[in-house]
Amino acid sequence: MADQQQRVPEKQLPVVHRYITTHDADGKPTFETGVKEAVDFERTPMGGDLFLTYSGTEFPVAISHDSDLNTYKEHCIKKPESFMIPGGFISRYIDYHPGAPPLWHRTTTLDFGVVVEGQIQLELEGGEKRICKSLLFQYLLKKGDVAVQRGTNHAWSNPSKTEFARVFYVALDAKPAVVNGQELGESLGEVSHK
């Protein structure tokens, strides 16, 4: 894995900043200063760099007395162990390494993925794909596109061999999908059509 990380080209993506609003002791709107604004991505062995932009343990979110903000600060120290927080939400950036292999997974979430930079492929377990390949007239997932992912087994991958792709996700906890009477729970690395 270290060899794979050494072969990852230098990332040429814009720097990301996160700005969180709150209220001061007098009730005046202000920016939170206890969470740094500059973003540090965490390199993973799965072919992507992650940044947890915000998270919470309940929905609707309790924002009084900075309850949600304190929860997020805890998550910045001890990262959530799963793709999702039961009963809550997660928002994150993922910078996909060029040519990184797809990671098959299914979560019990309703996800919104917005392509911010580059091109990304979304493949479903049945073999359907949305991919950006110029001049091949296939469906495109390119900068500005959004995918609404609803509990299907799927994989994201970056088709470029030289450029990073950046996607911003918001994931909301959901009840598991039921298909043909079978409840579909979370899965990681399993795919039936390959």
N, C-alpha and C. Protein backbone atom coordinates (compact mmCIF):
# COMPACT_ATOMS: atom_id res chain seq x y z
N MET A 1 0.81 -1.19 0.00
CA MET A 1 0.00 0.00 0.00
C MET A 1 0.85 1.25 0.00
N ALA A 2 1.97 1.19 0.70
CA ALA A 2 2.85 2.36 0.71
C ALA A 2 3.34 2.64 -0.70
N ASP A 3 3.60 1.56 -1.48
CA ASP A 3 4.05 1.74 -2.85
C ASP A 3 2.99 2.44 -3.67
N GLN A 4 1.71 2.06 -3.49
CA GLN A 4 0.62 2.71 -4.22
C GLN A 4 0.57 4.19 -3.85
N GLN A 5 0.70 4.52 -2.56
CA GLN A 5 0.64 5.91 -2.15
C GLN A 5 1.80 6.71 -2.71
N GLN A 6 2.97 6.09 -2.88
CA GLN A 6 4.12 6.80 -3.44
C GLN A 6 3.89 7.13 -4.91
N ARG A 7 3.10 6.32 -5.61
CA ARG A 7 2.85 6.54 -7.03
C ARG A 7 1.74 7.54 -7.29
N VAL A 8 1.05 8.00 -6.27
CA VAL A 8 -0.03 8.97 -6.45
C VAL A 8 0.60 10.31 -6.83
N PRO A 9 0.18 10.88 -7.96
CA PRO A 9 0.76 12.17 -8.37
C PRO A 9 0.39 13.29 -7.40
N GLU A 10 1.09 14.38 -7.51
CA GLU A 10 0.79 15.54 -6.67
C GLU A 10 -0.61 16.04 -7.00
N LYS A 11 -1.34 16.36 -5.96
CA LYS A 11 -2.72 16.81 -6.14
C LYS A 11 -2.72 18.27 -6.57
N GLN A 12 -3.41 18.55 -7.66
CA GLN A 12 -3.51 19.91 -8.19
C GLN A 12 -4.95 20.42 -8.07
N LEU A 13 -5.54 20.25 -6.90
CA LEU A 13 -6.91 20.69 -6.66
C LEU A 13 -6.91 21.93 -5.78
N PRO A 14 -7.94 22.77 -5.89
CA PRO A 14 -8.01 23.95 -5.04
C PRO A 14 -8.03 23.59 -3.56
N VAL A 15 -7.47 24.46 -2.74
CA VAL A 15 -7.50 24.30 -1.29
C VAL A 15 -8.94 24.53 -0.84
N VAL A 16 -9.40 23.75 0.14
CA VAL A 16 -10.76 23.87 0.67
C VAL A 16 -10.69 24.50 2.05
N HIS A 17 -11.62 25.40 2.31
CA HIS A 17 -11.80 25.98 3.63
C HIS A 17 -13.22 25.69 4.09
N ARG A 18 -13.39 25.52 5.39
CA ARG A 18 -14.70 25.27 5.97
C ARG A 18 -15.00 26.41 6.93
N TYR A 19 -16.16 27.04 6.78
CA TYR A 19 -16.57 28.15 7.64
C TYR A 19 -17.85 27.73 8.36
N ILE A 20 -17.82 27.77 9.68
CA ILE A 20 -18.96 27.37 10.50
C ILE A 20 -19.47 28.59 11.25
N THR A 21 -20.77 28.81 11.18
CA THR A 21 -21.36 29.94 11.89
C THR A 21 -21.92 29.50 13.24
N THR A 22 -22.04 30.45 14.15
CA THR A 22 -22.60 30.20 15.47
C THR A 22 -23.08 31.53 16.04
N HIS A 23 -23.32 31.57 17.32
CA HIS A 23 -23.71 32.80 18.02
C HIS A 23 -22.77 33.01 19.20
N ASP A 24 -22.44 34.26 19.46
CA ASP A 24 -21.62 34.53 20.64
C ASP A 24 -22.51 34.58 21.89
N ALA A 25 -21.91 34.88 23.05
CA ALA A 25 -22.65 34.88 24.32
C ALA A 25 -23.78 35.90 24.34
N ASP A 26 -23.69 36.93 23.52
CA ASP A 26 -24.74 37.95 23.45
C ASP A 26 -25.78 37.66 22.38
N GLY A 27 -25.65 36.51 21.70
CA GLY A 27 -26.61 36.14 20.67
C GLY A 27 -26.30 36.69 19.29
N LYS A 28 -25.15 37.33 19.15
CA LYS A 28 -24.76 37.91 17.86
C LYS A 28 -24.19 36.81 16.95
N PRO A 29 -24.63 36.76 15.68
CA PRO A 29 -24.06 35.79 14.74
C PRO A 29 -22.56 36.04 14.55
N THR A 30 -21.81 34.96 14.51
CA THR A 30 -20.36 35.05 14.35
C THR A 30 -19.85 33.75 13.73
N PHE A 31 -18.58 33.74 13.40
CA PHE A 31 -17.95 32.52 12.88
C PHE A 31 -17.29 31.78 14.03
N GLU A 32 -17.41 30.47 14.01
CA GLU A 32 -16.78 29.61 15.00
C GLU A 32 -15.27 29.69 14.85
N THR A 33 -14.58 29.90 15.95
CA THR A 33 -13.11 29.98 15.90
C THR A 33 -12.43 28.76 16.52
N GLY A 34 -13.22 27.86 17.13
CA GLY A 34 -12.65 26.68 17.77
C GLY A 34 -12.40 25.53 16.82
N VAL A 35 -12.78 25.68 15.56
CA VAL A 35 -12.52 24.68 14.52
C VAL A 35 -11.78 25.40 13.41
N LYS A 36 -10.60 24.91 13.07
CA LYS A 36 -9.82 25.63 12.06
C LYS A 36 -10.53 25.62 10.71
N GLU A 37 -10.33 26.70 9.98
CA GLU A 37 -11.00 26.85 8.68
C GLU A 37 -10.27 26.12 7.57
N ALA A 38 -8.94 26.06 7.64
CA ALA A 38 -8.17 25.33 6.63
C ALA A 38 -8.43 23.83 6.78
N VAL A 39 -8.59 23.16 5.68
CA VAL A 39 -8.97 21.76 5.66
C VAL A 39 -7.75 20.87 5.44
N ASP A 40 -7.65 19.81 6.23
CA ASP A 40 -6.62 18.79 6.06
C ASP A 40 -7.28 17.49 5.64
N PHE A 41 -6.92 17.02 4.46
CA PHE A 41 -7.44 15.74 3.98
C PHE A 41 -6.60 14.62 4.57
N GLU A 42 -7.24 13.49 4.83
CA GLU A 42 -6.57 12.30 5.35
C GLU A 42 -6.40 11.30 4.21
N ARG A 43 -5.16 10.92 3.93
CA ARG A 43 -4.90 9.94 2.87
C ARG A 43 -5.27 8.56 3.37
N THR A 44 -6.00 7.80 2.56
CA THR A 44 -6.40 6.44 2.94
C THR A 44 -5.79 5.44 1.95
N PRO A 45 -5.69 4.17 2.35
CA PRO A 45 -5.19 3.15 1.43
C PRO A 45 -6.24 2.71 0.41
N MET A 46 -7.45 3.29 0.44
CA MET A 46 -8.53 2.89 -0.47
C MET A 46 -8.54 3.69 -1.76
N GLY A 47 -7.53 4.54 -1.97
CA GLY A 47 -7.48 5.29 -3.22
C GLY A 47 -8.18 6.63 -3.16
N GLY A 48 -8.31 7.18 -1.97
CA GLY A 48 -8.94 8.48 -1.84
C GLY A 48 -8.46 9.22 -0.60
N ASP A 49 -8.55 10.53 -0.65
CA ASP A 49 -8.24 11.38 0.49
C ASP A 49 -9.57 11.91 1.01
N LEU A 50 -9.79 11.81 2.33
CA LEU A 50 -11.08 12.17 2.92
C LEU A 50 -10.96 13.36 3.84
N PHE A 51 -12.04 14.12 3.91
CA PHE A 51 -12.17 15.20 4.86
C PHE A 51 -13.60 15.24 5.36
N LEU A 52 -13.79 15.12 6.66
CA LEU A 52 -15.10 15.16 7.29
C LEU A 52 -15.49 16.62 7.49
N THR A 53 -16.39 17.14 6.65
CA THR A 53 -16.74 18.56 6.72
C THR A 53 -17.68 18.87 7.88
N TYR A 54 -18.61 17.97 8.17
CA TYR A 54 -19.49 18.15 9.32
C TYR A 54 -20.22 16.84 9.56
N SER A 55 -20.69 16.64 10.78
CA SER A 55 -21.41 15.42 11.11
C SER A 55 -22.25 15.64 12.35
N GLY A 56 -23.23 14.77 12.55
CA GLY A 56 -24.08 14.86 13.72
C GLY A 56 -24.74 13.54 14.02
N THR A 57 -25.24 13.43 15.23
CA THR A 57 -25.81 12.17 15.70
C THR A 57 -27.33 12.15 15.70
N GLU A 58 -27.95 13.26 15.27
CA GLU A 58 -29.40 13.28 15.23
C GLU A 58 -29.88 14.17 14.09
N PHE A 59 -31.12 13.87 13.66
CA PHE A 59 -31.74 14.65 12.61
C PHE A 59 -33.23 14.67 12.88
N PRO A 60 -33.87 15.83 13.03
CA PRO A 60 -33.33 17.16 12.88
C PRO A 60 -32.20 17.45 13.88
N VAL A 61 -31.37 18.37 13.49
CA VAL A 61 -30.17 18.70 14.24
C VAL A 61 -30.51 19.67 15.37
N ALA A 62 -29.98 19.40 16.55
CA ALA A 62 -30.13 20.30 17.69
C ALA A 62 -28.96 21.28 17.67
N ILE A 63 -29.23 22.54 17.27
CA ILE A 63 -28.14 23.51 17.15
C ILE A 63 -28.04 24.46 18.35
N SER A 64 -29.02 24.41 19.26
CA SER A 64 -28.96 25.27 20.44
C SER A 64 -27.78 24.89 21.32
N HIS A 65 -27.18 25.88 21.93
CA HIS A 65 -26.06 25.70 22.86
C HIS A 65 -24.88 24.99 22.19
N ASP A 66 -24.79 25.09 20.88
CA ASP A 66 -23.70 24.46 20.10
C ASP A 66 -23.62 22.95 20.29
N SER A 67 -24.74 22.33 20.58
CA SER A 67 -24.78 20.88 20.80
C SER A 67 -24.20 20.13 19.60
N ASP A 68 -24.65 20.49 18.40
CA ASP A 68 -24.15 19.82 17.19
C ASP A 68 -22.68 20.11 16.96
N LEU A 69 -22.26 21.33 17.22
CA LEU A 69 -20.88 21.73 17.02
C LEU A 69 -19.94 20.94 17.94
N ASN A 70 -20.38 20.76 19.19
CA ASN A 70 -19.57 19.98 20.13
C ASN A 70 -19.46 18.52 19.69
N THR A 71 -20.55 17.97 19.14
CA THR A 71 -20.51 16.60 18.60
C THR A 71 -19.53 16.52 17.44
N TYR A 72 -19.59 17.50 16.54
CA TYR A 72 -18.67 17.50 15.40
C TYR A 72 -17.22 17.58 15.87
N LYS A 73 -16.95 18.43 16.85
CA LYS A 73 -15.58 18.53 17.37
C LYS A 73 -15.08 17.19 17.90
N GLU A 74 -15.98 16.44 18.55
CA GLU A 74 -15.63 15.08 19.01
C GLU A 74 -15.32 14.18 17.83
N HIS A 75 -16.12 14.29 16.75
CA HIS A 75 -15.89 13.46 15.56
C HIS A 75 -14.58 13.82 14.86
N CYS A 76 -14.14 15.06 14.99
CA CYS A 76 -12.86 15.45 14.40
C CYS A 76 -11.70 14.77 15.12
N ILE A 77 -11.87 14.50 16.41
CA ILE A 77 -10.84 13.83 17.19
C ILE A 77 -10.93 12.31 17.00
N LYS A 78 -12.11 11.77 17.15
CA LYS A 78 -12.35 10.33 16.98
C LYS A 78 -13.32 10.16 15.82
N LYS A 79 -12.79 9.82 14.65
CA LYS A 79 -13.59 9.72 13.43
C LYS A 79 -14.68 8.66 13.57
N PRO A 80 -15.86 8.90 12.98
CA PRO A 80 -16.90 7.87 12.95
C PRO A 80 -16.35 6.59 12.32
N GLU A 81 -16.77 5.44 12.85
CA GLU A 81 -16.22 4.15 12.42
C GLU A 81 -16.86 3.61 11.15
N SER A 82 -17.93 4.21 10.69
CA SER A 82 -18.65 3.70 9.53
C SER A 82 -18.85 4.82 8.53
N PHE A 83 -19.44 4.46 7.40
CA PHE A 83 -19.82 5.46 6.41
C PHE A 83 -20.88 6.39 6.98
N MET A 84 -21.62 5.92 7.98
CA MET A 84 -22.78 6.65 8.48
C MET A 84 -22.84 6.61 9.99
N ILE A 85 -23.53 7.59 10.55
CA ILE A 85 -23.81 7.65 11.98
C ILE A 85 -25.29 7.34 12.15
N PRO A 86 -25.64 6.23 12.82
CA PRO A 86 -27.06 5.90 12.98
C PRO A 86 -27.86 7.06 13.57
N GLY A 87 -28.96 7.41 12.89
CA GLY A 87 -29.82 8.49 13.32
C GLY A 87 -29.31 9.88 12.97
N GLY A 88 -28.15 9.96 12.33
CA GLY A 88 -27.53 11.25 12.07
C GLY A 88 -27.21 11.51 10.62
N PHE A 89 -26.11 12.22 10.41
CA PHE A 89 -25.70 12.62 9.06
C PHE A 89 -24.19 12.83 9.03
N ILE A 90 -23.65 12.76 7.84
CA ILE A 90 -22.23 13.03 7.60
C ILE A 90 -22.12 13.81 6.30
N SER A 91 -21.24 14.80 6.29
CA SER A 91 -20.87 15.44 5.02
C SER A 91 -19.36 15.35 4.92
N ARG A 92 -18.88 15.04 3.72
CA ARG A 92 -17.44 14.88 3.55
C ARG A 92 -17.05 15.15 2.11
N TYR A 93 -15.79 15.51 1.96
CA TYR A 93 -15.15 15.57 0.66
C TYR A 93 -14.36 14.28 0.49
N ILE A 94 -14.32 13.78 -0.74
CA ILE A 94 -13.40 12.70 -1.08
C ILE A 94 -12.69 13.11 -2.37
N ASP A 95 -11.35 13.10 -2.31
CA ASP A 95 -10.52 13.31 -3.49
C ASP A 95 -10.08 11.94 -3.96
N TYR A 96 -10.60 11.52 -5.11
CA TYR A 96 -10.29 10.19 -5.66
C TYR A 96 -8.97 10.24 -6.41
N HIS A 97 -8.07 9.34 -6.07
CA HIS A 97 -6.77 9.27 -6.74
C HIS A 97 -6.96 8.85 -8.20
N PRO A 98 -6.09 9.31 -9.07
CA PRO A 98 -6.16 8.89 -10.48
C PRO A 98 -6.03 7.37 -10.60
N GLY A 99 -6.97 6.76 -11.31
CA GLY A 99 -6.90 5.33 -11.60
C GLY A 99 -7.11 4.42 -10.41
N ALA A 100 -7.53 4.94 -9.27
CA ALA A 100 -7.75 4.09 -8.09
C ALA A 100 -8.88 3.09 -8.38
N PRO A 101 -8.76 1.87 -7.91
CA PRO A 101 -9.80 0.87 -8.17
C PRO A 101 -11.09 1.21 -7.42
N PRO A 102 -12.23 0.76 -7.96
CA PRO A 102 -13.50 1.04 -7.29
C PRO A 102 -13.62 0.27 -5.97
N LEU A 103 -14.33 0.86 -5.03
CA LEU A 103 -14.62 0.20 -3.76
C LEU A 103 -16.12 -0.03 -3.70
N TRP A 104 -16.53 -1.29 -3.80
CA TRP A 104 -17.95 -1.63 -3.79
C TRP A 104 -18.49 -1.54 -2.38
N HIS A 105 -19.67 -0.92 -2.25
CA HIS A 105 -20.30 -0.81 -0.94
C HIS A 105 -21.78 -0.45 -1.07
N ARG A 106 -22.51 -0.75 0.00
CA ARG A 106 -23.90 -0.32 0.12
C ARG A 106 -24.06 0.18 1.55
N THR A 107 -24.68 1.34 1.68
CA THR A 107 -24.94 1.91 2.99
C THR A 107 -26.44 2.11 3.15
N THR A 108 -26.89 2.14 4.38
CA THR A 108 -28.30 2.42 4.64
C THR A 108 -28.45 3.92 4.83
N THR A 109 -28.24 4.62 3.72
CA THR A 109 -28.25 6.08 3.72
C THR A 109 -28.91 6.61 2.46
N LEU A 110 -29.29 7.86 2.54
CA LEU A 110 -29.67 8.64 1.36
C LEU A 110 -28.53 9.62 1.16
N ASP A 111 -27.81 9.47 0.04
CA ASP A 111 -26.59 10.25 -0.22
C ASP A 111 -26.78 11.20 -1.38
N PHE A 112 -26.15 12.35 -1.25
CA PHE A 112 -26.09 13.32 -2.34
C PHE A 112 -24.61 13.53 -2.62
N GLY A 113 -24.16 13.20 -3.83
CA GLY A 113 -22.77 13.37 -4.22
C GLY A 113 -22.67 14.38 -5.34
N VAL A 114 -21.96 15.48 -5.10
CA VAL A 114 -21.80 16.53 -6.10
C VAL A 114 -20.36 16.53 -6.58
N VAL A 115 -20.16 16.37 -7.88
CA VAL A 115 -18.83 16.40 -8.45
C VAL A 115 -18.34 17.85 -8.44
N VAL A 116 -17.23 18.08 -7.75
CA VAL A 116 -16.69 19.43 -7.60
C VAL A 116 -15.55 19.68 -8.58
N GLU A 117 -14.71 18.68 -8.77
CA GLU A 117 -13.59 18.78 -9.70
C GLU A 117 -13.40 17.44 -10.40
N GLY A 118 -12.99 17.48 -11.65
CA GLY A 118 -12.65 16.26 -12.38
C GLY A 118 -13.86 15.50 -12.87
N GLN A 119 -13.67 14.21 -13.07
CA GLN A 119 -14.68 13.32 -13.61
C GLN A 119 -14.73 12.08 -12.74
N ILE A 120 -15.91 11.54 -12.57
CA ILE A 120 -16.07 10.38 -11.69
C ILE A 120 -17.02 9.38 -12.34
N GLN A 121 -16.76 8.11 -12.09
CA GLN A 121 -17.64 7.05 -12.59
C GLN A 121 -18.43 6.49 -11.42
N LEU A 122 -19.71 6.31 -11.61
CA LEU A 122 -20.58 5.64 -10.65
C LEU A 122 -21.10 4.38 -11.32
N GLU A 123 -20.81 3.22 -10.73
CA GLU A 123 -21.25 1.94 -11.28
C GLU A 123 -22.15 1.26 -10.27
N LEU A 124 -23.26 0.71 -10.76
CA LEU A 124 -24.18 -0.03 -9.92
C LEU A 124 -23.93 -1.52 -10.06
N GLU A 125 -24.36 -2.27 -9.07
CA GLU A 125 -24.12 -3.71 -9.03
C GLU A 125 -24.63 -4.42 -10.28
N GLY A 126 -25.71 -3.93 -10.87
CA GLY A 126 -26.24 -4.56 -12.08
C GLY A 126 -25.43 -4.30 -13.33
N GLY A 127 -24.38 -3.46 -13.22
CA GLY A 127 -23.51 -3.19 -14.36
C GLY A 127 -23.73 -1.83 -15.01
N GLU A 128 -24.82 -1.14 -14.65
CA GLU A 128 -25.04 0.19 -15.22
C GLU A 128 -23.98 1.16 -14.72
N LYS A 129 -23.59 2.10 -15.59
CA LYS A 129 -22.57 3.08 -15.24
C LYS A 129 -22.98 4.46 -15.69
N ARG A 130 -22.48 5.44 -15.00
CA ARG A 130 -22.50 6.82 -15.45
C ARG A 130 -21.04 7.23 -15.38
N ILE A 131 -20.48 7.52 -16.55
CA ILE A 131 -19.05 7.78 -16.64
C ILE A 131 -18.81 8.95 -17.58
N CYS A 132 -17.78 9.68 -17.31
CA CYS A 132 -17.40 10.78 -18.19
C CYS A 132 -16.28 10.31 -19.10
N LYS A 133 -16.58 10.13 -20.36
CA LYS A 133 -15.57 9.79 -21.36
C LYS A 133 -15.87 10.63 -22.58
N SER A 134 -15.03 11.58 -22.85
CA SER A 134 -15.31 12.49 -23.96
C SER A 134 -15.36 11.73 -25.28
N LEU A 135 -16.26 12.15 -26.13
CA LEU A 135 -16.47 11.66 -27.48
C LEU A 135 -17.03 10.24 -27.58
N LEU A 136 -17.33 9.61 -26.44
CA LEU A 136 -17.91 8.27 -26.51
C LEU A 136 -19.42 8.30 -26.30
N PHE A 137 -19.97 9.48 -26.07
CA PHE A 137 -21.40 9.69 -25.95
C PHE A 137 -22.05 8.83 -24.87
N GLN A 138 -21.31 8.54 -23.80
CA GLN A 138 -21.89 7.86 -22.66
C GLN A 138 -22.45 8.90 -21.71
N TYR A 139 -23.23 8.44 -20.75
CA TYR A 139 -23.73 9.36 -19.72
C TYR A 139 -22.55 9.93 -18.96
N LEU A 140 -22.69 11.15 -18.52
CA LEU A 140 -21.58 11.84 -17.88
C LEU A 140 -21.87 12.16 -16.43
N LEU A 141 -20.85 12.04 -15.59
CA LEU A 141 -20.86 12.58 -14.24
C LEU A 141 -19.65 13.48 -14.20
N LYS A 142 -19.88 14.76 -14.39
CA LYS A 142 -18.79 15.72 -14.49
C LYS A 142 -19.02 16.86 -13.51
N LYS A 143 -18.12 17.79 -13.49
CA LYS A 143 -18.17 18.91 -12.56
C LYS A 143 -19.57 19.53 -12.55
N GLY A 144 -20.14 19.62 -11.33
CA GLY A 144 -21.47 20.20 -11.16
C GLY A 144 -22.59 19.18 -11.14
N ASP A 145 -22.35 17.97 -11.60
CA ASP A 145 -23.40 16.94 -11.58
C ASP A 145 -23.61 16.43 -10.16
N VAL A 146 -24.82 15.95 -9.90
CA VAL A 146 -25.15 15.39 -8.59
C VAL A 146 -25.74 13.99 -8.79
N ALA A 147 -25.34 13.09 -7.92
CA ALA A 147 -25.91 11.74 -7.90
C ALA A 147 -26.66 11.58 -6.58
N VAL A 148 -27.87 11.05 -6.67
CA VAL A 148 -28.65 10.75 -5.47
C VAL A 148 -28.59 9.24 -5.31
N GLN A 149 -27.89 8.79 -4.31
CA GLN A 149 -27.59 7.38 -4.07
C GLN A 149 -28.53 6.88 -2.98
N ARG A 150 -29.37 5.91 -3.31
CA ARG A 150 -30.45 5.47 -2.41
C ARG A 150 -30.32 4.01 -2.02
N GLY A 151 -29.28 3.68 -1.29
CA GLY A 151 -29.14 2.34 -0.72
C GLY A 151 -28.81 1.24 -1.70
N THR A 152 -28.28 1.56 -2.88
CA THR A 152 -27.90 0.51 -3.83
C THR A 152 -26.43 0.13 -3.63
N ASN A 153 -26.08 -1.08 -4.04
CA ASN A 153 -24.68 -1.50 -4.02
C ASN A 153 -24.02 -0.81 -5.21
N HIS A 154 -22.95 -0.08 -4.94
CA HIS A 154 -22.35 0.77 -5.97
C HIS A 154 -20.87 0.96 -5.71
N ALA A 155 -20.21 1.53 -6.70
CA ALA A 155 -18.78 1.85 -6.57
C ALA A 155 -18.50 3.14 -7.32
N TRP A 156 -17.68 3.99 -6.69
CA TRP A 156 -17.20 5.21 -7.31
C TRP A 156 -15.77 4.95 -7.75
N SER A 157 -15.38 5.51 -8.89
CA SER A 157 -13.98 5.41 -9.30
C SER A 157 -13.64 6.60 -10.19
N ASN A 158 -12.37 6.87 -10.26
CA ASN A 158 -11.86 7.98 -11.07
C ASN A 158 -11.27 7.38 -12.35
N PRO A 159 -11.89 7.62 -13.51
CA PRO A 159 -11.39 7.02 -14.74
C PRO A 159 -10.09 7.64 -15.25
N SER A 160 -9.72 8.82 -14.74
CA SER A 160 -8.49 9.47 -15.21
C SER A 160 -7.27 8.77 -14.64
N LYS A 161 -6.26 8.65 -15.45
CA LYS A 161 -4.99 8.06 -15.00
C LYS A 161 -4.03 9.14 -14.50
N THR A 162 -4.39 10.42 -14.67
CA THR A 162 -3.46 11.50 -14.32
C THR A 162 -4.06 12.57 -13.41
N GLU A 163 -5.39 12.72 -13.37
CA GLU A 163 -6.01 13.81 -12.63
C GLU A 163 -6.84 13.29 -11.46
N PHE A 164 -6.84 14.02 -10.36
CA PHE A 164 -7.70 13.72 -9.23
C PHE A 164 -9.15 14.11 -9.57
N ALA A 165 -10.08 13.52 -8.86
CA ALA A 165 -11.49 13.92 -8.94
C ALA A 165 -11.95 14.21 -7.51
N ARG A 166 -12.74 15.26 -7.33
CA ARG A 166 -13.22 15.64 -6.00
C ARG A 166 -14.75 15.60 -6.00
N VAL A 167 -15.31 14.92 -4.98
CA VAL A 167 -16.76 14.84 -4.82
C VAL A 167 -17.10 15.26 -3.39
N PHE A 168 -18.17 16.04 -3.25
CA PHE A 168 -18.68 16.44 -1.95
C PHE A 168 -19.95 15.63 -1.69
N TYR A 169 -20.00 14.96 -0.53
CA TYR A 169 -21.13 14.10 -0.19
C TYR A 169 -21.85 14.59 1.06
N VAL A 170 -23.15 14.43 1.06
CA VAL A 170 -23.96 14.55 2.26
C VAL A 170 -24.73 13.23 2.37
N ALA A 171 -24.60 12.56 3.50
CA ALA A 171 -25.27 11.27 3.72
C ALA A 171 -26.18 11.39 4.93
N LEU A 172 -27.44 11.05 4.73
CA LEU A 172 -28.43 11.06 5.80
C LEU A 172 -28.80 9.62 6.14
N ASP A 173 -28.90 9.32 7.41
CA ASP A 173 -29.30 7.98 7.82
C ASP A 173 -30.67 7.66 7.22
N ALA A 174 -30.88 6.42 6.85
CA ALA A 174 -32.13 6.00 6.23
C ALA A 174 -32.51 4.61 6.74
N LYS A 175 -33.75 4.26 6.54
CA LYS A 175 -34.18 2.89 6.82
C LYS A 175 -33.66 2.02 5.70
N PRO A 176 -33.26 0.78 5.98
CA PRO A 176 -32.74 -0.09 4.91
C PRO A 176 -33.76 -0.28 3.79
N ALA A 177 -33.25 -0.34 2.57
CA ALA A 177 -34.10 -0.63 1.42
C ALA A 177 -34.61 -2.07 1.52
N VAL A 178 -35.85 -2.28 1.13
CA VAL A 178 -36.42 -3.62 1.07
C VAL A 178 -36.76 -3.88 -0.39
N VAL A 179 -36.17 -4.93 -0.96
CA VAL A 179 -36.38 -5.29 -2.35
C VAL A 179 -36.82 -6.75 -2.41
N ASN A 180 -37.97 -7.00 -3.03
CA ASN A 180 -38.53 -8.35 -3.12
C ASN A 180 -38.61 -9.02 -1.75
N GLY A 181 -39.00 -8.25 -0.75
CA GLY A 181 -39.17 -8.77 0.60
C GLY A 181 -37.89 -8.94 1.39
N GLN A 182 -36.74 -8.62 0.78
CA GLN A 182 -35.45 -8.78 1.46
C GLN A 182 -34.90 -7.42 1.87
N GLU A 183 -34.54 -7.28 3.14
CA GLU A 183 -33.94 -6.05 3.62
C GLU A 183 -32.46 -6.02 3.23
N LEU A 184 -32.07 -4.93 2.58
CA LEU A 184 -30.70 -4.78 2.13
C LEU A 184 -29.92 -3.95 3.14
N GLY A 185 -29.05 -4.57 3.87
CA GLY A 185 -28.23 -3.87 4.85
C GLY A 185 -26.95 -3.37 4.22
N GLU A 186 -26.03 -2.95 5.07
CA GLU A 186 -24.75 -2.45 4.58
C GLU A 186 -23.88 -3.61 4.09
N SER A 187 -23.06 -3.33 3.10
CA SER A 187 -22.08 -4.32 2.63
C SER A 187 -20.84 -3.56 2.17
N LEU A 188 -19.71 -4.21 2.26
CA LEU A 188 -18.46 -3.62 1.85
C LEU A 188 -17.66 -4.63 1.05
N GLY A 189 -17.34 -4.27 -0.19
CA GLY A 189 -16.48 -5.11 -1.02
C GLY A 189 -17.17 -6.26 -1.72
N GLU A 190 -18.49 -6.38 -1.60
CA GLU A 190 -19.21 -7.48 -2.24
C GLU A 190 -19.95 -6.98 -3.46
N VAL A 191 -19.88 -7.75 -4.55
CA VAL A 191 -20.63 -7.42 -5.76
C VAL A 191 -20.97 -8.72 -6.47
N SER A 192 -22.20 -8.82 -6.96
CA SER A 192 -22.65 -10.10 -7.53
C SER A 192 -22.46 -10.19 -9.03
N HIS A 193 -22.32 -9.08 -9.76
CA HIS A 193 -22.27 -9.16 -11.21
C HIS A 193 -20.84 -9.33 -11.76
N LYS A 194 -19.85 -9.20 -10.96
CA LYS A 194 -18.45 -9.30 -11.44
C LYS A 194 -18.02 -10.74 -11.55
